[in-house]
Amino acid sequence: VIQEFGYDLSRSCDEIRPDYHHDESCQKTVPEAITAFLEGKDFE
């Protein structure tokens, strides 16, 4: 993802969470969703 799409995946969910607010753009939603996926321990 970093190589092909250039998204910044350097922040953890804990780092994203405090200042993250409603944003309907791909560039402010897709990287955050990928981060949640990467950090999650199982589906739930």
All heavy atoms as atom14 arrays in JSON, in Angstrom:
{
  "sequence": "VIQEFGYDLSRSCDEIRPDYHHDESCQKTVPEAITAFLEGKDFE",
  "atom14_mask": [
    [1, 1, 1, 1, 1, 1, 1, 0, 0, 0, 0, 0, 0, 0],
    [1, 1, 1, 1, 1, 1, 1, 1, 0, 0, 0, 0, 0, 0],
    [1, 1, 1, 1, 1, 1, 1, 1, 1, 0, 0, 0, 0, 0],
    [1, 1, 1, 1, 1, 1, 1, 1, 1, 0, 0, 0, 0, 0],
    [1, 1, 1, 1, 1, 1, 1, 1, 1, 1, 1, 0, 0, 0],
    [1, 1, 1, 1, 0, 0, 0, 0, 0, 0, 0, 0, 0, 0],
    [1, 1, 1, 1, 1, 1, 1, 1, 1, 1, 1, 1, 0, 0],
    [1, 1, 1, 1, 1, 1, 1, 1, 0, 0, 0, 0, 0, 0],
    [1, 1, 1, 1, 1, 1, 1, 1, 0, 0, 0, 0, 0, 0],
    [1, 1, 1, 1, 1, 1, 0, 0, 0, 0, 0, 0, 0, 0],
    [1, 1, 1, 1, 1, 1, 1, 1, 1, 1, 1, 0, 0, 0],
    [1, 1, 1, 1, 1, 1, 0, 0, 0, 0, 0, 0, 0, 0],
    [1, 1, 1, 1, 1, 1, 0, 0, 0, 0, 0, 0, 0, 0],
    [1, 1, 1, 1, 1, 1, 1, 1, 0, 0, 0, 0, 0, 0],
    [1, 1, 1, 1, 1, 1, 1, 1, 1, 0, 0, 0, 0, 0],
    [1, 1, 1, 1, 1, 1, 1, 1, 0, 0, 0, 0, 0, 0],
    [1, 1, 1, 1, 1, 1, 1, 1, 1, 1, 1, 0, 0, 0],
    [1, 1, 1, 1, 1, 1, 1, 0, 0, 0, 0, 0, 0, 0],
    [1, 1, 1, 1, 1, 1, 1, 1, 0, 0, 0, 0, 0, 0],
    [1, 1, 1, 1, 1, 1, 1, 1, 1, 1, 1, 1, 0, 0],
    [1, 1, 1, 1, 1, 1, 1, 1, 1, 1, 0, 0, 0, 0],
    [1, 1, 1, 1, 1, 1, 1, 1, 1, 1, 0, 0, 0, 0],
    [1, 1, 1, 1, 1, 1, 1, 1, 0, 0, 0, 0, 0, 0],
    [1, 1, 1, 1, 1, 1, 1, 1, 1, 0, 0, 0, 0, 0],
    [1, 1, 1, 1, 1, 1, 0, 0, 0, 0, 0, 0, 0, 0],
    [1, 1, 1, 1, 1, 1, 0, 0, 0, 0, 0, 0, 0, 0],
    [1, 1, 1, 1, 1, 1, 1, 1, 1, 0, 0, 0, 0, 0],
    [1, 1, 1, 1, 1, 1, 1, 1, 1, 0, 0, 0, 0, 0],
    [1, 1, 1, 1, 1, 1, 1, 0, 0, 0, 0, 0, 0, 0],
    [1, 1, 1, 1, 1, 1, 1, 0, 0, 0, 0, 0, 0, 0],
    [1, 1, 1, 1, 1, 1, 1, 0, 0, 0, 0, 0, 0, 0],
    [1, 1, 1, 1, 1, 1, 1, 1, 1, 0, 0, 0, 0, 0],
    [1, 1, 1, 1, 1, 0, 0, 0, 0, 0, 0, 0, 0, 0],
    [1, 1, 1, 1, 1, 1, 1, 1, 0, 0, 0, 0, 0, 0],
    [1, 1, 1, 1, 1, 1, 1, 0, 0, 0, 0, 0, 0, 0],
    [1, 1, 1, 1, 1, 0, 0, 0, 0, 0, 0, 0, 0, 0],
    [1, 1, 1, 1, 1, 1, 1, 1, 1, 1, 1, 0, 0, 0],
    [1, 1, 1, 1, 1, 1, 1, 1, 0, 0, 0, 0, 0, 0],
    [1, 1, 1, 1, 1, 1, 1, 1, 1, 0, 0, 0, 0, 0],
    [1, 1, 1, 1, 0, 0, 0, 0, 0, 0, 0, 0, 0, 0],
    [1, 1, 1, 1, 1, 1, 1, 1, 1, 0, 0, 0, 0, 0],
    [1, 1, 1, 1, 1, 1, 1, 1, 0, 0, 0, 0, 0, 0],
    [1, 1, 1, 1, 1, 1, 1, 1, 1, 1, 1, 0, 0, 0],
    [1, 1, 1, 1, 1, 1, 1, 1, 1, 0, 0, 0, 0, 0]
  ],
  "atom14_positions": [
    [[0.84, -1.21, 0.0], [0.0, 0.0, 0.0], [0.87, 1.25, 0.0], [0.61, 2.21, -0.75], [-0.94, -0.01, 1.22], [-1.63, 1.34, 1.38], [-1.98, -1.11, 1.07], [0.0, 0.0, 0.0], [0.0, 0.0, 0.0], [0.0, 0.0, 0.0], [0.0, 0.0, 0.0], [0.0, 0.0, 0.0], [0.0, 0.0, 0.0], [0.0, 0.0, 0.0]],
    [[1.9, 1.27, 0.81], [2.79, 2.43, 0.87], [3.48, 2.64, -0.48], [3.54, 3.76, -1.0], [3.83, 2.26, 1.99], [3.14, 2.29, 3.37], [4.91, 3.34, 1.9], [4.05, 1.87, 4.51], [0.0, 0.0, 0.0], [0.0, 0.0, 0.0], [0.0, 0.0, 0.0], [0.0, 0.0, 0.0], [0.0, 0.0, 0.0], [0.0, 0.0, 0.0]],
    [[3.98, 1.57, -1.04], [4.72, 1.66, -2.3], [3.83, 2.04, -3.48], [4.19, 2.9, -4.29], [5.4, 0.32, -2.59], [6.15, 0.27, -3.93], [6.77, -1.1, -4.17], [7.25, -1.74, -3.24], [6.76, -1.53, -5.42], [0.0, 0.0, 0.0], [0.0, 0.0, 0.0], [0.0, 0.0, 0.0], [0.0, 0.0, 0.0], [0.0, 0.0, 0.0]],
    [[2.67, 1.41, -3.57], [1.81, 1.59, -4.74], [0.9, 2.82, -4.65], [0.56, 3.42, -5.67], [0.95, 0.34, -4.94], [1.74, -0.88, -5.33], [2.37, -0.75, -6.71], [1.68, -0.29, -7.65], [3.56, -1.1, -6.85], [0.0, 0.0, 0.0], [0.0, 0.0, 0.0], [0.0, 0.0, 0.0], [0.0, 0.0, 0.0], [0.0, 0.0, 0.0]],
    [[0.49, 3.18, -3.45], [-0.51, 4.24, -3.31], [-0.03, 5.45, -2.51], [-0.7, 6.48, -2.49], [-1.79, 3.67, -2.67], [-2.38, 2.52, -3.46], [-2.26, 1.21, -3.01], [-3.01, 2.75, -4.68], [-2.78, 0.16, -3.74], [-3.54, 1.7, -5.41], [-3.42, 0.4, -4.95], [0.0, 0.0, 0.0], [0.0, 0.0, 0.0], [0.0, 0.0, 0.0]],
    [[1.1, 5.31, -1.85], [1.68, 6.45, -1.16], [0.95, 6.89, 0.1], [1.17, 8.0, 0.58], [0.0, 0.0, 0.0], [0.0, 0.0, 0.0], [0.0, 0.0, 0.0], [0.0, 0.0, 0.0], [0.0, 0.0, 0.0], [0.0, 0.0, 0.0], [0.0, 0.0, 0.0], [0.0, 0.0, 0.0], [0.0, 0.0, 0.0], [0.0, 0.0, 0.0]],
    [[0.09, 6.05, 0.64], [-0.6, 6.41, 1.87], [0.36, 6.38, 3.06], [1.25, 5.52, 3.14], [-1.75, 5.45, 2.15], [-2.98, 5.64, 1.3], [-3.71, 4.54, 0.84], [-3.44, 6.91, 0.97], [-4.86, 4.7, 0.08], [-4.6, 7.08, 0.2], [-5.29, 5.98, -0.24], [-6.44, 6.13, -1.0], [0.0, 0.0, 0.0], [0.0, 0.0, 0.0]],
    [[0.16, 7.29, 3.98], [0.95, 7.34, 5.21], [0.32, 6.38, 6.22], [-0.76, 6.64, 6.75], [0.97, 8.76, 5.76], [1.74, 8.87, 7.08], [2.39, 7.87, 7.48], [1.7, 9.95, 7.69], [0.0, 0.0, 0.0], [0.0, 0.0, 0.0], [0.0, 0.0, 0.0], [0.0, 0.0, 0.0], [0.0, 0.0, 0.0], [0.0, 0.0, 0.0]],
    [[1.01, 5.29, 6.49], [0.52, 4.3, 7.45], [1.42, 4.26, 8.67], [1.5, 3.24, 9.37], [0.44, 2.91, 6.8], [-0.47, 2.8, 5.57], [-0.45, 1.38, 5.02], [-1.89, 3.24, 5.88], [0.0, 0.0, 0.0], [0.0, 0.0, 0.0], [0.0, 0.0, 0.0], [0.0, 0.0, 0.0], [0.0, 0.0, 0.0], [0.0, 0.0, 0.0]],
    [[2.07, 5.36, 8.95], [3.04, 5.39, 10.04], [2.4, 5.59, 11.41], [3.0, 5.29, 12.43], [4.07, 6.51, 9.81], [3.44, 7.79, 9.83], [0.0, 0.0, 0.0], [0.0, 0.0, 0.0], [0.0, 0.0, 0.0], [0.0, 0.0, 0.0], [0.0, 0.0, 0.0], [0.0, 0.0, 0.0], [0.0, 0.0, 0.0], [0.0, 0.0, 0.0]],
    [[1.17, 6.11, 11.44], [0.53, 6.38, 12.73], [-0.26, 5.17, 13.21], [-0.84, 4.44, 12.42], [-0.41, 7.58, 12.62], [0.27, 8.9, 12.28], [-0.75, 10.03, 12.25], [-1.78, 9.79, 11.25], [-2.99, 10.37, 11.26], [-3.31, 11.21, 12.23], [-3.86, 10.11, 10.31], [0.0, 0.0, 0.0], [0.0, 0.0, 0.0], [0.0, 0.0, 0.0]],
    [[-0.28, 4.98, 14.51], [-1.1, 3.93, 15.11], [-2.52, 4.45, 15.32], [-2.78, 5.65, 15.23], [-0.51, 3.52, 16.46], [-0.63, 4.6, 17.39], [0.0, 0.0, 0.0], [0.0, 0.0, 0.0], [0.0, 0.0, 0.0], [0.0, 0.0, 0.0], [0.0, 0.0, 0.0], [0.0, 0.0, 0.0], [0.0, 0.0, 0.0], [0.0, 0.0, 0.0]],
    [[-3.42, 3.54, 15.65], [-4.79, 3.97, 15.97], [-4.79, 4.92, 17.16], [-5.56, 5.89, 17.19], [-5.67, 2.75, 16.26], [-6.14, 1.81, 14.79], [0.0, 0.0, 0.0], [0.0, 0.0, 0.0], [0.0, 0.0, 0.0], [0.0, 0.0, 0.0], [0.0, 0.0, 0.0], [0.0, 0.0, 0.0], [0.0, 0.0, 0.0], [0.0, 0.0, 0.0]],
    [[-3.96, 4.64, 18.15], [-3.89, 5.52, 19.31], [-3.43, 6.92, 18.94], [-3.86, 7.91, 19.56], [-2.93, 4.95, 20.36], [-3.54, 3.77, 21.12], [-4.78, 3.6, 21.05], [-2.78, 3.03, 21.77], [0.0, 0.0, 0.0], [0.0, 0.0, 0.0], [0.0, 0.0, 0.0], [0.0, 0.0, 0.0], [0.0, 0.0, 0.0], [0.0, 0.0, 0.0]],
    [[-2.6, 7.02, 17.93], [-2.12, 8.34, 17.48], [-3.15, 9.03, 16.61], [-3.26, 10.26, 16.61], [-0.8, 8.18, 16.73], [0.36, 7.79, 17.61], [1.61, 7.41, 16.84], [1.49, 6.75, 15.79], [2.71, 7.78, 17.28], [0.0, 0.0, 0.0], [0.0, 0.0, 0.0], [0.0, 0.0, 0.0], [0.0, 0.0, 0.0], [0.0, 0.0, 0.0]],
    [[-3.93, 8.27, 15.85], [-4.95, 8.85, 14.97], [-6.14, 9.35, 15.78], [-6.67, 10.45, 15.55], [-5.44, 7.8, 13.95], [-4.32, 7.44, 12.97], [-6.67, 8.3, 13.19], [-4.62, 6.21, 12.13], [0.0, 0.0, 0.0], [0.0, 0.0, 0.0], [0.0, 0.0, 0.0], [0.0, 0.0, 0.0], [0.0, 0.0, 0.0], [0.0, 0.0, 0.0]],
    [[-6.56, 8.56, 16.75], [-7.85, 8.72, 17.43], [-8.13, 10.12, 18.02], [-9.21, 10.67, 17.79], [-7.98, 7.65, 18.51], [-9.37, 7.44, 19.05], [-9.39, 6.28, 20.04], [-9.22, 4.99, 19.41], [-8.15, 4.2, 19.55], [-7.14, 4.58, 20.33], [-8.09, 3.04, 18.94], [0.0, 0.0, 0.0], [0.0, 0.0, 0.0], [0.0, 0.0, 0.0]],
    [[-7.2, 10.72, 18.76], [-7.55, 11.96, 19.47], [-8.01, 13.11, 18.58], [-8.94, 13.85, 18.94], [-6.26, 12.32, 20.21], [-5.53, 11.02, 20.35], [-5.84, 10.27, 19.1], [0.0, 0.0, 0.0], [0.0, 0.0, 0.0], [0.0, 0.0, 0.0], [0.0, 0.0, 0.0], [0.0, 0.0, 0.0], [0.0, 0.0, 0.0], [0.0, 0.0, 0.0]],
    [[-7.38, 13.29, 17.45], [-7.67, 14.46, 16.6], [-8.43, 14.12, 15.33], [-8.63, 14.99, 14.48], [-6.36, 15.17, 16.23], [-5.6, 15.67, 17.45], [-6.26, 16.19, 18.37], [-4.37, 15.51, 17.48], [0.0, 0.0, 0.0], [0.0, 0.0, 0.0], [0.0, 0.0, 0.0], [0.0, 0.0, 0.0], [0.0, 0.0, 0.0], [0.0, 0.0, 0.0]],
    [[-8.87, 12.88, 15.21], [-9.54, 12.46, 13.99], [-11.03, 12.78, 14.06], [-11.7, 12.44, 15.04], [-9.34, 10.95, 13.77], [-9.88, 10.45, 12.46], [-9.36, 10.88, 11.25], [-10.93, 9.53, 12.43], [-9.86, 10.4, 10.05], [-11.44, 9.06, 11.24], [-10.89, 9.5, 10.05], [-11.4, 9.04, 8.86], [0.0, 0.0, 0.0], [0.0, 0.0, 0.0]],
    [[-11.54, 13.43, 13.04], [-12.94, 13.83, 13.0], [-13.55, 13.46, 11.65], [-12.87, 13.01, 10.74], [-13.07, 15.34, 13.25], [-12.56, 15.75, 14.6], [-13.21, 15.41, 15.77], [-11.46, 16.46, 14.96], [-12.55, 15.89, 16.79], [-11.47, 16.53, 16.34], [0.0, 0.0, 0.0], [0.0, 0.0, 0.0], [0.0, 0.0, 0.0], [0.0, 0.0, 0.0]],
    [[-14.85, 13.69, 11.53], [-15.6, 13.3, 10.33], [-14.99, 13.91, 9.08], [-14.87, 15.12, 8.96], [-17.06, 13.74, 10.47], [-17.97, 13.17, 9.44], [-18.62, 11.97, 9.61], [-18.32, 13.61, 8.21], [-19.35, 11.71, 8.53], [-19.18, 12.69, 7.68], [0.0, 0.0, 0.0], [0.0, 0.0, 0.0], [0.0, 0.0, 0.0], [0.0, 0.0, 0.0]],
    [[-14.62, 13.05, 8.15], [-14.04, 13.49, 6.87], [-14.44, 12.46, 5.83], [-14.15, 11.28, 5.98], [-12.51, 13.59, 6.97], [-11.88, 14.28, 5.76], [-12.23, 13.9, 4.61], [-11.05, 15.17, 5.95], [0.0, 0.0, 0.0], [0.0, 0.0, 0.0], [0.0, 0.0, 0.0], [0.0, 0.0, 0.0], [0.0, 0.0, 0.0], [0.0, 0.0, 0.0]],
    [[-15.1, 12.91, 4.78], [-15.66, 11.98, 3.79], [-14.76, 11.77, 2.59], [-15.2, 11.2, 1.58], [-17.05, 12.46, 3.36], [-18.06, 12.46, 4.51], [-19.44, 12.93, 4.1], [-19.62, 13.31, 2.92], [-20.35, 12.92, 4.95], [0.0, 0.0, 0.0], [0.0, 0.0, 0.0], [0.0, 0.0, 0.0], [0.0, 0.0, 0.0], [0.0, 0.0, 0.0]],
    [[-13.52, 12.2, 2.65], [-12.6, 12.0, 1.54], [-11.94, 10.63, 1.61], [-11.77, 10.07, 2.71], [-11.52, 13.08, 1.53], [-10.66, 12.93, 2.64], [0.0, 0.0, 0.0], [0.0, 0.0, 0.0], [0.0, 0.0, 0.0], [0.0, 0.0, 0.0], [0.0, 0.0, 0.0], [0.0, 0.0, 0.0], [0.0, 0.0, 0.0], [0.0, 0.0, 0.0]],
    [[-11.54, 10.11, 0.45], [-10.78, 8.85, 0.45], [-9.47, 9.01, 1.21], [-9.09, 8.15, 1.99], [-10.47, 8.44, -1.0], [-11.74, 7.42, -1.78], [0.0, 0.0, 0.0], [0.0, 0.0, 0.0], [0.0, 0.0, 0.0], [0.0, 0.0, 0.0], [0.0, 0.0, 0.0], [0.0, 0.0, 0.0], [0.0, 0.0, 0.0], [0.0, 0.0, 0.0]],
    [[-8.79, 10.13, 0.97], [-7.46, 10.29, 1.54], [-7.46, 10.45, 3.05], [-6.41, 10.28, 3.69], [-6.72, 11.45, 0.87], [-7.44, 12.77, 0.8], [-8.28, 12.97, -0.46], [-9.01, 12.07, -0.86], [-8.17, 14.15, -1.07], [0.0, 0.0, 0.0], [0.0, 0.0, 0.0], [0.0, 0.0, 0.0], [0.0, 0.0, 0.0], [0.0, 0.0, 0.0]],
    [[-8.61, 10.73, 3.64], [-8.73, 10.84, 5.09], [-9.59, 9.72, 5.7], [-9.99, 9.81, 6.86], [-9.31, 12.2, 5.48], [-8.4, 13.38, 5.19], [-7.15, 13.37, 6.06], [-6.33, 14.63, 5.85], [-5.14, 14.65, 6.74], [0.0, 0.0, 0.0], [0.0, 0.0, 0.0], [0.0, 0.0, 0.0], [0.0, 0.0, 0.0], [0.0, 0.0, 0.0]],
    [[-9.88, 8.71, 4.9], [-10.66, 7.57, 5.39], [-9.96, 6.24, 5.12], [-9.85, 5.4, 6.0], [-12.06, 7.53, 4.75], [-12.71, 8.78, 4.93], [-12.92, 6.43, 5.35], [0.0, 0.0, 0.0], [0.0, 0.0, 0.0], [0.0, 0.0, 0.0], [0.0, 0.0, 0.0], [0.0, 0.0, 0.0], [0.0, 0.0, 0.0], [0.0, 0.0, 0.0]],
    [[-9.49, 6.05, 3.89], [-8.9, 4.77, 3.52], [-7.64, 4.43, 4.33], [-7.52, 3.31, 4.84], [-8.64, 4.69, 2.0], [-7.96, 3.38, 1.63], [-9.95, 4.83, 1.22], [0.0, 0.0, 0.0], [0.0, 0.0, 0.0], [0.0, 0.0, 0.0], [0.0, 0.0, 0.0], [0.0, 0.0, 0.0], [0.0, 0.0, 0.0], [0.0, 0.0, 0.0]],
    [[-6.69, 5.36, 4.49], [-5.51, 5.01, 5.31], [-5.86, 4.65, 6.74], [-5.27, 3.73, 7.33], [-4.65, 6.28, 5.25], [-5.09, 7.01, 4.03], [-6.56, 6.71, 3.92], [0.0, 0.0, 0.0], [0.0, 0.0, 0.0], [0.0, 0.0, 0.0], [0.0, 0.0, 0.0], [0.0, 0.0, 0.0], [0.0, 0.0, 0.0], [0.0, 0.0, 0.0]],
    [[-6.83, 5.35, 7.32], [-7.26, 5.06, 8.68], [-7.92, 3.68, 8.77], [-7.71, 2.94, 9.73], [-8.21, 6.15, 9.17], [-7.55, 7.49, 9.45], [-7.2, 8.29, 8.2], [-7.65, 7.92, 7.09], [-6.49, 9.3, 8.32], [0.0, 0.0, 0.0], [0.0, 0.0, 0.0], [0.0, 0.0, 0.0], [0.0, 0.0, 0.0], [0.0, 0.0, 0.0]],
    [[-8.72, 3.34, 7.76], [-9.34, 2.01, 7.74], [-8.29, 0.92, 7.61], [-8.38, -0.13, 8.26], [-10.34, 1.93, 6.59], [0.0, 0.0, 0.0], [0.0, 0.0, 0.0], [0.0, 0.0, 0.0], [0.0, 0.0, 0.0], [0.0, 0.0, 0.0], [0.0, 0.0, 0.0], [0.0, 0.0, 0.0], [0.0, 0.0, 0.0], [0.0, 0.0, 0.0]],
    [[-7.29, 1.16, 6.76], [-6.21, 0.17, 6.6], [-5.46, 0.01, 7.92], [-5.09, -1.1, 8.31], [-5.28, 0.59, 5.46], [-6.01, 0.54, 4.12], [-4.04, -0.32, 5.41], [-5.23, 1.11, 2.95], [0.0, 0.0, 0.0], [0.0, 0.0, 0.0], [0.0, 0.0, 0.0], [0.0, 0.0, 0.0], [0.0, 0.0, 0.0], [0.0, 0.0, 0.0]],
    [[-5.22, 1.11, 8.62], [-4.52, 1.05, 9.9], [-5.3, 0.22, 10.9], [-4.73, -0.61, 11.63], [-4.26, 2.46, 10.44], [-3.45, 3.18, 9.51], [-3.58, 2.41, 11.79], [0.0, 0.0, 0.0], [0.0, 0.0, 0.0], [0.0, 0.0, 0.0], [0.0, 0.0, 0.0], [0.0, 0.0, 0.0], [0.0, 0.0, 0.0], [0.0, 0.0, 0.0]],
    [[-6.61, 0.43, 10.98], [-7.44, -0.38, 11.88], [-7.35, -1.86, 11.53], [-7.25, -2.73, 12.41], [-8.89, 0.09, 11.83], [0.0, 0.0, 0.0], [0.0, 0.0, 0.0], [0.0, 0.0, 0.0], [0.0, 0.0, 0.0], [0.0, 0.0, 0.0], [0.0, 0.0, 0.0], [0.0, 0.0, 0.0], [0.0, 0.0, 0.0], [0.0, 0.0, 0.0]],
    [[-7.36, -2.16, 10.24], [-7.21, -3.55, 9.8], [-5.85, -4.11, 10.2], [-5.75, -5.23, 10.74], [-7.4, -3.65, 8.29], [-6.78, -4.88, 7.68], [-7.27, -6.15, 7.99], [-5.69, -4.77, 6.83], [-6.67, -7.29, 7.44], [-5.1, -5.9, 6.29], [-5.59, -7.17, 6.6], [0.0, 0.0, 0.0], [0.0, 0.0, 0.0], [0.0, 0.0, 0.0]],
    [[-4.8, -3.36, 9.96], [-3.45, -3.85, 10.25], [-3.24, -4.08, 11.75], [-2.55, -5.01, 12.15], [-2.41, -2.86, 9.73], [-2.31, -2.71, 8.21], [-1.38, -1.56, 7.84], [-1.84, -4.01, 7.56], [0.0, 0.0, 0.0], [0.0, 0.0, 0.0], [0.0, 0.0, 0.0], [0.0, 0.0, 0.0], [0.0, 0.0, 0.0], [0.0, 0.0, 0.0]],
    [[-3.85, -3.25, 12.59], [-3.67, -3.38, 14.03], [-4.57, -4.43, 14.67], [-4.24, -4.98, 15.71], [-3.92, -2.03, 14.72], [-2.78, -1.07, 14.61], [-2.91, 0.07, 15.61], [-3.63, -0.05, 16.61], [-2.26, 1.11, 15.37], [0.0, 0.0, 0.0], [0.0, 0.0, 0.0], [0.0, 0.0, 0.0], [0.0, 0.0, 0.0], [0.0, 0.0, 0.0]],
    [[-5.7, -4.7, 14.07], [-6.66, -5.62, 14.68], [-6.12, -7.02, 14.86], [-5.39, -7.52, 14.01], [0.0, 0.0, 0.0], [0.0, 0.0, 0.0], [0.0, 0.0, 0.0], [0.0, 0.0, 0.0], [0.0, 0.0, 0.0], [0.0, 0.0, 0.0], [0.0, 0.0, 0.0], [0.0, 0.0, 0.0], [0.0, 0.0, 0.0], [0.0, 0.0, 0.0]],
    [[-6.49, -7.64, 15.96], [-5.98, -8.98, 16.29], [-6.85, -10.1, 15.71], [-6.41, -11.24, 15.6], [-5.91, -9.14, 17.81], [-5.05, -8.09, 18.52], [-3.61, -8.14, 18.05], [-2.7, -7.25, 18.9], [-3.0, -5.8, 18.74], [0.0, 0.0, 0.0], [0.0, 0.0, 0.0], [0.0, 0.0, 0.0], [0.0, 0.0, 0.0], [0.0, 0.0, 0.0]],
    [[-8.1, -9.79, 15.41], [-9.01, -10.74, 14.78], [-10.13, -9.92, 14.14], [-10.1, -8.69, 14.16], [-9.57, -11.75, 15.79], [-10.21, -11.11, 17.01], [-10.79, -10.01, 16.89], [-10.14, -11.71, 18.1], [0.0, 0.0, 0.0], [0.0, 0.0, 0.0], [0.0, 0.0, 0.0], [0.0, 0.0, 0.0], [0.0, 0.0, 0.0], [0.0, 0.0, 0.0]],
    [[-11.11, -10.6, 13.55], [-12.16, -9.87, 12.83], [-12.86, -8.86, 13.72], [-12.99, -7.67, 13.38], [-13.18, -10.85, 12.23], [-14.3, -10.16, 11.5], [-14.15, -9.78, 10.18], [-15.5, -9.87, 12.15], [-15.18, -9.11, 9.51], [-16.52, -9.22, 11.49], [-16.36, -8.83, 10.17], [0.0, 0.0, 0.0], [0.0, 0.0, 0.0], [0.0, 0.0, 0.0]],
    [[-13.33, -9.31, 14.88], [-14.06, -8.41, 15.75], [-13.19, -7.25, 16.24], [-13.67, -6.11, 16.34], [-14.63, -9.17, 16.95], [-15.44, -8.29, 17.89], [-16.12, -9.05, 19.0], [-16.29, -10.29, 18.88], [-16.51, -8.4, 20.01], [0.0, 0.0, 0.0], [0.0, 0.0, 0.0], [0.0, 0.0, 0.0], [0.0, 0.0, 0.0], [0.0, 0.0, 0.0]]
  ]
}
